[in-house]
Amino acid sequence: MPTDFLRQLPSIPDSVCNLTVAQKQQ
């Protein structure tokens, strides 16, 4: 069900501006 996907998706990342290229790609 749609709710299954929505609840299991990765969280919105914190401190986006400090992520490296590798972390963004991950």
mmCIF file of all heavy atoms, coordinates in Angstrom:
data_MODEL
# 
_entry.id   MODEL 
# 
loop_
_atom_site.group_PDB 
_atom_site.id 
_atom_site.type_symbol 
_atom_site.label_atom_id 
_atom_site.label_alt_id 
_atom_site.label_comp_id 
_atom_site.label_asym_id 
_atom_site.label_entity_id 
_atom_site.label_seq_id 
_atom_site.pdbx_PDB_ins_code 
_atom_site.Cartn_x 
_atom_site.Cartn_y 
_atom_site.Cartn_z 
_atom_site.occupancy 
_atom_site.B_iso_or_equiv 
_atom_site.pdbx_formal_charge 
_atom_site.auth_seq_id 
_atom_site.auth_comp_id 
_atom_site.auth_asym_id 
_atom_site.auth_atom_id 
_atom_site.pdbx_PDB_model_num 
ATOM 1   N N   . MET A 1 1  ? 0.832  -1.194 0.000  1.00 0.00 ? 1  MET A N   1 
ATOM 2   C CA  . MET A 1 1  ? 0.000  0.000  0.000  1.00 0.00 ? 1  MET A CA  1 
ATOM 3   C C   . MET A 1 1  ? 0.875  1.254  0.000  1.00 0.00 ? 1  MET A C   1 
ATOM 4   O O   . MET A 1 1  ? 2.037  1.218  0.427  1.00 0.00 ? 1  MET A O   1 
ATOM 5   C CB  . MET A 1 1  ? -0.908 -0.003 1.229  1.00 0.00 ? 1  MET A CB  1 
ATOM 6   C CG  . MET A 1 1  ? -1.874 -1.167 1.259  1.00 0.00 ? 1  MET A CG  1 
ATOM 7   S SD  . MET A 1 1  ? -3.075 -1.119 -0.095 1.00 0.00 ? 1  MET A SD  1 
ATOM 8   C CE  . MET A 1 1  ? -4.119 0.226  0.458  1.00 0.00 ? 1  MET A CE  1 
ATOM 9   N N   . PRO A 1 2  ? 0.331  2.390  -0.461 1.00 0.00 ? 2  PRO A N   1 
ATOM 10  C CA  . PRO A 1 2  ? 1.107  3.628  -0.485 1.00 0.00 ? 2  PRO A CA  1 
ATOM 11  C C   . PRO A 1 2  ? 1.707  3.993  0.871  1.00 0.00 ? 2  PRO A C   1 
ATOM 12  O O   . PRO A 1 2  ? 2.847  4.457  0.942  1.00 0.00 ? 2  PRO A O   1 
ATOM 13  C CB  . PRO A 1 2  ? 0.064  4.663  -0.928 1.00 0.00 ? 2  PRO A CB  1 
ATOM 14  C CG  . PRO A 1 2  ? -0.892 3.889  -1.756 1.00 0.00 ? 2  PRO A CG  1 
ATOM 15  C CD  . PRO A 1 2  ? -0.996 2.549  -1.085 1.00 0.00 ? 2  PRO A CD  1 
ATOM 16  N N   . THR A 1 3  ? 0.937  3.775  1.941  1.00 0.00 ? 3  THR A N   1 
ATOM 17  C CA  . THR A 1 3  ? 1.446  4.108  3.271  1.00 0.00 ? 3  THR A CA  1 
ATOM 18  C C   . THR A 1 3  ? 2.658  3.256  3.648  1.00 0.00 ? 3  THR A C   1 
ATOM 19  O O   . THR A 1 3  ? 3.527  3.712  4.397  1.00 0.00 ? 3  THR A O   1 
ATOM 20  C CB  . THR A 1 3  ? 0.343  3.931  4.333  1.00 0.00 ? 3  THR A CB  1 
ATOM 21  O OG1 . THR A 1 3  ? -0.268 2.641  4.171  1.00 0.00 ? 3  THR A OG1 1 
ATOM 22  C CG2 . THR A 1 3  ? -0.722 5.003  4.183  1.00 0.00 ? 3  THR A CG2 1 
ATOM 23  N N   . ASP A 1 4  ? 2.724  2.023  3.140  1.00 0.00 ? 4  ASP A N   1 
ATOM 24  C CA  . ASP A 1 4  ? 3.881  1.162  3.411  1.00 0.00 ? 4  ASP A CA  1 
ATOM 25  C C   . ASP A 1 4  ? 5.152  1.813  2.860  1.00 0.00 ? 4  ASP A C   1 
ATOM 26  O O   . ASP A 1 4  ? 6.177  1.870  3.538  1.00 0.00 ? 4  ASP A O   1 
ATOM 27  C CB  . ASP A 1 4  ? 3.703  -0.216 2.758  1.00 0.00 ? 4  ASP A CB  1 
ATOM 28  C CG  . ASP A 1 4  ? 2.545  -0.999 3.353  1.00 0.00 ? 4  ASP A CG  1 
ATOM 29  O OD1 . ASP A 1 4  ? 2.249  -0.799 4.541  1.00 0.00 ? 4  ASP A OD1 1 
ATOM 30  O OD2 . ASP A 1 4  ? 1.938  -1.799 2.626  1.00 0.00 ? 4  ASP A OD2 1 
ATOM 31  N N   . PHE A 1 5  ? 5.073  2.274  1.627  1.00 0.00 ? 5  PHE A N   1 
ATOM 32  C CA  . PHE A 1 5  ? 6.238  2.918  1.007  1.00 0.00 ? 5  PHE A CA  1 
ATOM 33  C C   . PHE A 1 5  ? 6.605  4.209  1.745  1.00 0.00 ? 5  PHE A C   1 
ATOM 34  O O   . PHE A 1 5  ? 7.777  4.454  2.036  1.00 0.00 ? 5  PHE A O   1 
ATOM 35  C CB  . PHE A 1 5  ? 5.935  3.250  -0.461 1.00 0.00 ? 5  PHE A CB  1 
ATOM 36  C CG  . PHE A 1 5  ? 5.816  2.036  -1.339 1.00 0.00 ? 5  PHE A CG  1 
ATOM 37  C CD1 . PHE A 1 5  ? 4.588  1.633  -1.823 1.00 0.00 ? 5  PHE A CD1 1 
ATOM 38  C CD2 . PHE A 1 5  ? 6.937  1.293  -1.696 1.00 0.00 ? 5  PHE A CD2 1 
ATOM 39  C CE1 . PHE A 1 5  ? 4.462  0.521  -2.652 1.00 0.00 ? 5  PHE A CE1 1 
ATOM 40  C CE2 . PHE A 1 5  ? 6.832  0.180  -2.517 1.00 0.00 ? 5  PHE A CE2 1 
ATOM 41  C CZ  . PHE A 1 5  ? 5.586  -0.206 -2.984 1.00 0.00 ? 5  PHE A CZ  1 
ATOM 42  N N   . LEU A 1 6  ? 5.603  5.039  2.016  1.00 0.00 ? 6  LEU A N   1 
ATOM 43  C CA  . LEU A 1 6  ? 5.866  6.344  2.626  1.00 0.00 ? 6  LEU A CA  1 
ATOM 44  C C   . LEU A 1 6  ? 6.521  6.219  3.999  1.00 0.00 ? 6  LEU A C   1 
ATOM 45  O O   . LEU A 1 6  ? 7.388  7.020  4.358  1.00 0.00 ? 6  LEU A O   1 
ATOM 46  C CB  . LEU A 1 6  ? 4.559  7.135  2.742  1.00 0.00 ? 6  LEU A CB  1 
ATOM 47  C CG  . LEU A 1 6  ? 3.984  7.646  1.417  1.00 0.00 ? 6  LEU A CG  1 
ATOM 48  C CD1 . LEU A 1 6  ? 2.544  8.139  1.615  1.00 0.00 ? 6  LEU A CD1 1 
ATOM 49  C CD2 . LEU A 1 6  ? 4.851  8.754  0.846  1.00 0.00 ? 6  LEU A CD2 1 
ATOM 50  N N   . ARG A 1 7  ? 6.117  5.194  4.758  1.00 0.00 ? 7  ARG A N   1 
ATOM 51  C CA  . ARG A 1 7  ? 6.660  5.036  6.109  1.00 0.00 ? 7  ARG A CA  1 
ATOM 52  C C   . ARG A 1 7  ? 8.048  4.408  6.120  1.00 0.00 ? 7  ARG A C   1 
ATOM 53  O O   . ARG A 1 7  ? 8.782  4.523  7.094  1.00 0.00 ? 7  ARG A O   1 
ATOM 54  C CB  . ARG A 1 7  ? 5.699  4.190  6.953  1.00 0.00 ? 7  ARG A CB  1 
ATOM 55  C CG  . ARG A 1 7  ? 4.401  4.934  7.283  1.00 0.00 ? 7  ARG A CG  1 
ATOM 56  C CD  . ARG A 1 7  ? 3.525  4.134  8.219  1.00 0.00 ? 7  ARG A CD  1 
ATOM 57  N NE  . ARG A 1 7  ? 2.333  4.897  8.589  1.00 0.00 ? 7  ARG A NE  1 
ATOM 58  C CZ  . ARG A 1 7  ? 1.079  4.490  8.445  1.00 0.00 ? 7  ARG A CZ  1 
ATOM 59  N NH1 . ARG A 1 7  ? 0.843  3.289  7.937  1.00 0.00 ? 7  ARG A NH1 1 
ATOM 60  N NH2 . ARG A 1 7  ? 0.058  5.242  8.802  1.00 0.00 ? 7  ARG A NH2 1 
ATOM 61  N N   . GLN A 1 8  ? 8.419  3.731  5.030  1.00 0.00 ? 8  GLN A N   1 
ATOM 62  C CA  . GLN A 1 8  ? 9.712  3.058  4.998  1.00 0.00 ? 8  GLN A CA  1 
ATOM 63  C C   . GLN A 1 8  ? 10.777 3.843  4.228  1.00 0.00 ? 8  GLN A C   1 
ATOM 64  O O   . GLN A 1 8  ? 11.953 3.466  4.262  1.00 0.00 ? 8  GLN A O   1 
ATOM 65  C CB  . GLN A 1 8  ? 9.560  1.661  4.371  1.00 0.00 ? 8  GLN A CB  1 
ATOM 66  C CG  . GLN A 1 8  ? 8.598  0.726  5.085  1.00 0.00 ? 8  GLN A CG  1 
ATOM 67  C CD  . GLN A 1 8  ? 8.990  0.444  6.527  1.00 0.00 ? 8  GLN A CD  1 
ATOM 68  O OE1 . GLN A 1 8  ? 10.129 0.655  6.919  1.00 0.00 ? 8  GLN A OE1 1 
ATOM 69  N NE2 . GLN A 1 8  ? 8.037  -0.014 7.332  1.00 0.00 ? 8  GLN A NE2 1 
ATOM 70  N N   . LEU A 1 9  ? 10.386 4.904  3.574  1.00 0.00 ? 9  LEU A N   1 
ATOM 71  C CA  . LEU A 1 9  ? 11.362 5.724  2.850  1.00 0.00 ? 9  LEU A CA  1 
ATOM 72  C C   . LEU A 1 9  ? 12.356 6.361  3.816  1.00 0.00 ? 9  LEU A C   1 
ATOM 73  O O   . LEU A 1 9  ? 12.012 6.656  4.965  1.00 0.00 ? 9  LEU A O   1 
ATOM 74  C CB  . LEU A 1 9  ? 10.642 6.826  2.067  1.00 0.00 ? 9  LEU A CB  1 
ATOM 75  C CG  . LEU A 1 9  ? 10.100 6.435  0.690  1.00 0.00 ? 9  LEU A CG  1 
ATOM 76  C CD1 . LEU A 1 9  ? 9.037  7.433  0.233  1.00 0.00 ? 9  LEU A CD1 1 
ATOM 77  C CD2 . LEU A 1 9  ? 11.239 6.378  -0.320 1.00 0.00 ? 9  LEU A CD2 1 
ATOM 78  N N   . PRO A 1 10 ? 13.588 6.597  3.367  1.00 0.00 ? 10 PRO A N   1 
ATOM 79  C CA  . PRO A 1 10 ? 14.583 7.259  4.223  1.00 0.00 ? 10 PRO A CA  1 
ATOM 80  C C   . PRO A 1 10 ? 14.090 8.626  4.679  1.00 0.00 ? 10 PRO A C   1 
ATOM 81  O O   . PRO A 1 10 ? 13.322 9.290  3.977  1.00 0.00 ? 10 PRO A O   1 
ATOM 82  C CB  . PRO A 1 10 ? 15.800 7.398  3.295  1.00 0.00 ? 10 PRO A CB  1 
ATOM 83  C CG  . PRO A 1 10 ? 15.630 6.315  2.286  1.00 0.00 ? 10 PRO A CG  1 
ATOM 84  C CD  . PRO A 1 10 ? 14.140 6.190  2.062  1.00 0.00 ? 10 PRO A CD  1 
ATOM 85  N N   . SER A 1 11 ? 14.522 9.027  5.862  1.00 0.00 ? 11 SER A N   1 
ATOM 86  C CA  . SER A 1 11 ? 14.138 10.334 6.394  1.00 0.00 ? 11 SER A CA  1 
ATOM 87  C C   . SER A 1 11 ? 14.817 11.454 5.619  1.00 0.00 ? 11 SER A C   1 
ATOM 88  O O   . SER A 1 11 ? 15.847 11.251 4.972  1.00 0.00 ? 11 SER A O   1 
ATOM 89  C CB  . SER A 1 11 ? 14.532 10.436 7.875  1.00 0.00 ? 11 SER A CB  1 
ATOM 90  O OG  . SER A 1 11 ? 13.909 9.411  8.626  1.00 0.00 ? 11 SER A OG  1 
ATOM 91  N N   . ILE A 1 12 ? 14.224 12.629 5.696  1.00 0.00 ? 12 ILE A N   1 
ATOM 92  C CA  . ILE A 1 12 ? 14.844 13.815 5.104  1.00 0.00 ? 12 ILE A CA  1 
ATOM 93  C C   . ILE A 1 12 ? 16.142 14.062 5.864  1.00 0.00 ? 12 ILE A C   1 
ATOM 94  O O   . ILE A 1 12 ? 16.143 14.161 7.089  1.00 0.00 ? 12 ILE A O   1 
ATOM 95  C CB  . ILE A 1 12 ? 13.911 15.028 5.239  1.00 0.00 ? 12 ILE A CB  1 
ATOM 96  C CG1 . ILE A 1 12 ? 12.587 14.746 4.532  1.00 0.00 ? 12 ILE A CG1 1 
ATOM 97  C CG2 . ILE A 1 12 ? 14.570 16.280 4.660  1.00 0.00 ? 12 ILE A CG2 1 
ATOM 98  C CD1 . ILE A 1 12 ? 11.503 15.766 4.809  1.00 0.00 ? 12 ILE A CD1 1 
ATOM 99  N N   . PRO A 1 13 ? 17.286 14.140 5.183  1.00 0.00 ? 13 PRO A N   1 
ATOM 100 C CA  . PRO A 1 13 ? 18.574 14.259 5.881  1.00 0.00 ? 13 PRO A CA  1 
ATOM 101 C C   . PRO A 1 13 ? 18.738 15.577 6.635  1.00 0.00 ? 13 PRO A C   1 
ATOM 102 O O   . PRO A 1 13 ? 18.248 16.620 6.203  1.00 0.00 ? 13 PRO A O   1 
ATOM 103 C CB  . PRO A 1 13 ? 19.594 14.147 4.742  1.00 0.00 ? 13 PRO A CB  1 
ATOM 104 C CG  . PRO A 1 13 ? 18.848 14.536 3.512  1.00 0.00 ? 13 PRO A CG  1 
ATOM 105 C CD  . PRO A 1 13 ? 17.443 14.101 3.726  1.00 0.00 ? 13 PRO A CD  1 
ATOM 106 N N   . ASP A 1 14 ? 19.410 15.480 7.768  1.00 0.00 ? 14 ASP A N   1 
ATOM 107 C CA  . ASP A 1 14 ? 19.766 16.679 8.535  1.00 0.00 ? 14 ASP A CA  1 
ATOM 108 C C   . ASP A 1 14 ? 21.099 17.217 8.028  1.00 0.00 ? 14 ASP A C   1 
ATOM 109 O O   . ASP A 1 14 ? 21.884 16.490 7.421  1.00 0.00 ? 14 ASP A O   1 
ATOM 110 C CB  . ASP A 1 14 ? 19.892 16.339 10.025 1.00 0.00 ? 14 ASP A CB  1 
ATOM 111 C CG  . ASP A 1 14 ? 18.564 15.868 10.623 1.00 0.00 ? 14 ASP A CG  1 
ATOM 112 O OD1 . ASP A 1 14 ? 17.514 16.426 10.218 1.00 0.00 ? 14 ASP A OD1 1 
ATOM 113 O OD2 . ASP A 1 14 ? 18.590 14.949 11.455 1.00 0.00 ? 14 ASP A OD2 1 
ATOM 114 N N   . SER A 1 15 ? 21.353 18.486 8.295  1.00 0.00 ? 15 SER A N   1 
ATOM 115 C CA  . SER A 1 15 ? 22.638 19.112 7.937  1.00 0.00 ? 15 SER A CA  1 
ATOM 116 C C   . SER A 1 15 ? 23.024 18.824 6.490  1.00 0.00 ? 15 SER A C   1 
ATOM 117 O O   . SER A 1 15 ? 24.157 18.418 6.195  1.00 0.00 ? 15 SER A O   1 
ATOM 118 C CB  . SER A 1 15 ? 23.742 18.622 8.884  1.00 0.00 ? 15 SER A CB  1 
ATOM 119 O OG  . SER A 1 15 ? 23.398 18.867 10.229 1.00 0.00 ? 15 SER A OG  1 
ATOM 120 N N   . VAL A 1 16 ? 22.079 19.025 5.580  1.00 0.00 ? 16 VAL A N   1 
ATOM 121 C CA  . VAL A 1 16 ? 22.308 18.751 4.158  1.00 0.00 ? 16 VAL A CA  1 
ATOM 122 C C   . VAL A 1 16 ? 23.527 19.494 3.628  1.00 0.00 ? 16 VAL A C   1 
ATOM 123 O O   . VAL A 1 16 ? 24.314 18.960 2.841  1.00 0.00 ? 16 VAL A O   1 
ATOM 124 C CB  . VAL A 1 16 ? 21.059 19.133 3.334  1.00 0.00 ? 16 VAL A CB  1 
ATOM 125 C CG1 . VAL A 1 16 ? 21.365 19.102 1.838  1.00 0.00 ? 16 VAL A CG1 1 
ATOM 126 C CG2 . VAL A 1 16 ? 19.922 18.183 3.646  1.00 0.00 ? 16 VAL A CG2 1 
ATOM 127 N N   . CYS A 1 17 ? 23.705 20.723 4.058  1.00 0.00 ? 17 CYS A N   1 
ATOM 128 C CA  . CYS A 1 17 ? 24.787 21.560 3.514  1.00 0.00 ? 17 CYS A CA  1 
ATOM 129 C C   . CYS A 1 17 ? 26.178 21.085 3.908  1.00 0.00 ? 17 CYS A C   1 
ATOM 130 O O   . CYS A 1 17 ? 27.172 21.537 3.338  1.00 0.00 ? 17 CYS A O   1 
ATOM 131 C CB  . CYS A 1 17 ? 24.575 23.020 3.926  1.00 0.00 ? 17 CYS A CB  1 
ATOM 132 S SG  . CYS A 1 17 ? 23.038 23.726 3.286  1.00 0.00 ? 17 CYS A SG  1 
ATOM 133 N N   . ASN A 1 18 ? 26.252 20.180 4.884  1.00 0.00 ? 18 ASN A N   1 
ATOM 134 C CA  . ASN A 1 18 ? 27.557 19.656 5.311  1.00 0.00 ? 18 ASN A CA  1 
ATOM 135 C C   . ASN A 1 18 ? 27.876 18.294 4.699  1.00 0.00 ? 18 ASN A C   1 
ATOM 136 O O   . ASN A 1 18 ? 28.958 17.744 4.947  1.00 0.00 ? 18 ASN A O   1 
ATOM 137 C CB  . ASN A 1 18 ? 27.602 19.537 6.843  1.00 0.00 ? 18 ASN A CB  1 
ATOM 138 C CG  . ASN A 1 18 ? 27.526 20.894 7.526  1.00 0.00 ? 18 ASN A CG  1 
ATOM 139 O OD1 . ASN A 1 18 ? 28.063 21.878 7.027  1.00 0.00 ? 18 ASN A OD1 1 
ATOM 140 N ND2 . ASN A 1 18 ? 26.851 20.951 8.667  1.00 0.00 ? 18 ASN A ND2 1 
ATOM 141 N N   . LEU A 1 19 ? 26.975 17.762 3.901  1.00 0.00 ? 19 LEU A N   1 
ATOM 142 C CA  . LEU A 1 19 ? 27.199 16.446 3.306  1.00 0.00 ? 19 LEU A CA  1 
ATOM 143 C C   . LEU A 1 19 ? 28.282 16.501 2.235  1.00 0.00 ? 19 LEU A C   1 
ATOM 144 O O   . LEU A 1 19 ? 28.373 17.453 1.458  1.00 0.00 ? 19 LEU A O   1 
ATOM 145 C CB  . LEU A 1 19 ? 25.910 15.911 2.679  1.00 0.00 ? 19 LEU A CB  1 
ATOM 146 C CG  . LEU A 1 19 ? 24.731 15.638 3.614  1.00 0.00 ? 19 LEU A CG  1 
ATOM 147 C CD1 . LEU A 1 19 ? 23.533 15.133 2.810  1.00 0.00 ? 19 LEU A CD1 1 
ATOM 148 C CD2 . LEU A 1 19 ? 25.097 14.638 4.696  1.00 0.00 ? 19 LEU A CD2 1 
ATOM 149 N N   . THR A 1 20 ? 29.103 15.473 2.190  1.00 0.00 ? 20 THR A N   1 
ATOM 150 C CA  . THR A 1 20 ? 30.114 15.360 1.138  1.00 0.00 ? 20 THR A CA  1 
ATOM 151 C C   . THR A 1 20 ? 29.452 14.818 -0.130 1.00 0.00 ? 20 THR A C   1 
ATOM 152 O O   . THR A 1 20 ? 28.297 14.395 -0.109 1.00 0.00 ? 20 THR A O   1 
ATOM 153 C CB  . THR A 1 20 ? 31.246 14.408 1.564  1.00 0.00 ? 20 THR A CB  1 
ATOM 154 O OG1 . THR A 1 20 ? 30.694 13.082 1.729  1.00 0.00 ? 20 THR A OG1 1 
ATOM 155 C CG2 . THR A 1 20 ? 31.878 14.863 2.872  1.00 0.00 ? 20 THR A CG2 1 
ATOM 156 N N   . VAL A 1 21 ? 30.191 14.800 -1.211 1.00 0.00 ? 21 VAL A N   1 
ATOM 157 C CA  . VAL A 1 21 ? 29.669 14.249 -2.461 1.00 0.00 ? 21 VAL A CA  1 
ATOM 158 C C   . VAL A 1 21 ? 29.270 12.790 -2.269 1.00 0.00 ? 21 VAL A C   1 
ATOM 159 O O   . VAL A 1 21 ? 28.210 12.357 -2.733 1.00 0.00 ? 21 VAL A O   1 
ATOM 160 C CB  . VAL A 1 21 ? 30.726 14.367 -3.584 1.00 0.00 ? 21 VAL A CB  1 
ATOM 161 C CG1 . VAL A 1 21 ? 30.243 13.668 -4.845 1.00 0.00 ? 21 VAL A CG1 1 
ATOM 162 C CG2 . VAL A 1 21 ? 31.033 15.823 -3.875 1.00 0.00 ? 21 VAL A CG2 1 
ATOM 163 N N   . ALA A 1 22 ? 30.108 12.027 -1.570 1.00 0.00 ? 22 ALA A N   1 
ATOM 164 C CA  . ALA A 1 22 ? 29.831 10.608 -1.343 1.00 0.00 ? 22 ALA A CA  1 
ATOM 165 C C   . ALA A 1 22 ? 28.571 10.421 -0.512 1.00 0.00 ? 22 ALA A C   1 
ATOM 166 O O   . ALA A 1 22 ? 27.762 9.517  -0.774 1.00 0.00 ? 22 ALA A O   1 
ATOM 167 C CB  . ALA A 1 22 ? 31.018 9.948  -0.653 1.00 0.00 ? 22 ALA A CB  1 
ATOM 168 N N   . GLN A 1 23 ? 28.377 11.267 0.480  1.00 0.00 ? 23 GLN A N   1 
ATOM 169 C CA  . GLN A 1 23 ? 27.200 11.160 1.345  1.00 0.00 ? 23 GLN A CA  1 
ATOM 170 C C   . GLN A 1 23 ? 25.927 11.538 0.591  1.00 0.00 ? 23 GLN A C   1 
ATOM 171 O O   . GLN A 1 23 ? 24.876 10.929 0.800  1.00 0.00 ? 23 GLN A O   1 
ATOM 172 C CB  . GLN A 1 23 ? 27.375 12.056 2.577  1.00 0.00 ? 23 GLN A CB  1 
ATOM 173 C CG  . GLN A 1 23 ? 28.408 11.528 3.553  1.00 0.00 ? 23 GLN A CG  1 
ATOM 174 C CD  . GLN A 1 23 ? 28.722 12.522 4.666  1.00 0.00 ? 23 GLN A CD  1 
ATOM 175 O OE1 . GLN A 1 23 ? 28.688 13.747 4.462  1.00 0.00 ? 23 GLN A OE1 1 
ATOM 176 N NE2 . GLN A 1 23 ? 29.027 12.006 5.846  1.00 0.00 ? 23 GLN A NE2 1 
ATOM 177 N N   . LYS A 1 24 ? 26.026 12.528 -0.271 1.00 0.00 ? 24 LYS A N   1 
ATOM 178 C CA  . LYS A 1 24 ? 24.881 12.896 -1.104 1.00 0.00 ? 24 LYS A CA  1 
ATOM 179 C C   . LYS A 1 24 ? 24.477 11.721 -2.002 1.00 0.00 ? 24 LYS A C   1 
ATOM 180 O O   . LYS A 1 24 ? 23.303 11.384 -2.112 1.00 0.00 ? 24 LYS A O   1 
ATOM 181 C CB  . LYS A 1 24 ? 25.204 14.117 -1.974 1.00 0.00 ? 24 LYS A CB  1 
ATOM 182 C CG  . LYS A 1 24 ? 25.266 15.431 -1.224 1.00 0.00 ? 24 LYS A CG  1 
ATOM 183 C CD  . LYS A 1 24 ? 25.288 16.614 -2.197 1.00 0.00 ? 24 LYS A CD  1 
ATOM 184 C CE  . LYS A 1 24 ? 26.514 16.602 -3.085 1.00 0.00 ? 24 LYS A CE  1 
ATOM 185 N NZ  . LYS A 1 24 ? 26.510 17.744 -4.042 1.00 0.00 ? 24 LYS A NZ  1 
ATOM 186 N N   . GLN A 1 25 ? 25.470 11.115 -2.623 1.00 0.00 ? 25 GLN A N   1 
ATOM 187 C CA  . GLN A 1 25 ? 25.200 10.005 -3.529 1.00 0.00 ? 25 GLN A CA  1 
ATOM 188 C C   . GLN A 1 25 ? 24.635 8.809  -2.773 1.00 0.00 ? 25 GLN A C   1 
ATOM 189 O O   . GLN A 1 25 ? 23.773 8.091  -3.289 1.00 0.00 ? 25 GLN A O   1 
ATOM 190 C CB  . GLN A 1 25 ? 26.483 9.602  -4.265 1.00 0.00 ? 25 GLN A CB  1 
ATOM 191 C CG  . GLN A 1 25 ? 26.266 8.556  -5.352 1.00 0.00 ? 25 GLN A CG  1 
ATOM 192 C CD  . GLN A 1 25 ? 25.225 8.969  -6.369 1.00 0.00 ? 25 GLN A CD  1 
ATOM 193 O OE1 . GLN A 1 25 ? 25.287 10.071 -6.925 1.00 0.00 ? 25 GLN A OE1 1 
ATOM 194 N NE2 . GLN A 1 25 ? 24.244 8.114  -6.614 1.00 0.00 ? 25 GLN A NE2 1 
ATOM 195 N N   . GLN A 1 26 ? 25.114 8.607  -1.552 1.00 0.00 ? 26 GLN A N   1 
ATOM 196 C CA  . GLN A 1 26 ? 24.617 7.498  -0.746 1.00 0.00 ? 26 GLN A CA  1 
ATOM 197 C C   . GLN A 1 26 ? 23.137 7.695  -0.405 1.00 0.00 ? 26 GLN A C   1 
ATOM 198 O O   . GLN A 1 26 ? 22.351 6.740  -0.428 1.00 0.00 ? 26 GLN A O   1 
ATOM 199 C CB  . GLN A 1 26 ? 25.437 7.366  0.541  1.00 0.00 ? 26 GLN A CB  1 
ATOM 200 C CG  . GLN A 1 26 ? 25.155 6.090  1.317  1.00 0.00 ? 26 GLN A CG  1 
ATOM 201 C CD  . GLN A 1 26 ? 26.100 5.916  2.487  1.00 0.00 ? 26 GLN A CD  1 
ATOM 202 O OE1 . GLN A 1 26 ? 26.548 6.888  3.093  1.00 0.00 ? 26 GLN A OE1 1 
ATOM 203 N NE2 . GLN A 1 26 ? 26.417 4.675  2.809  1.00 0.00 ? 26 GLN A NE2 1 
# 
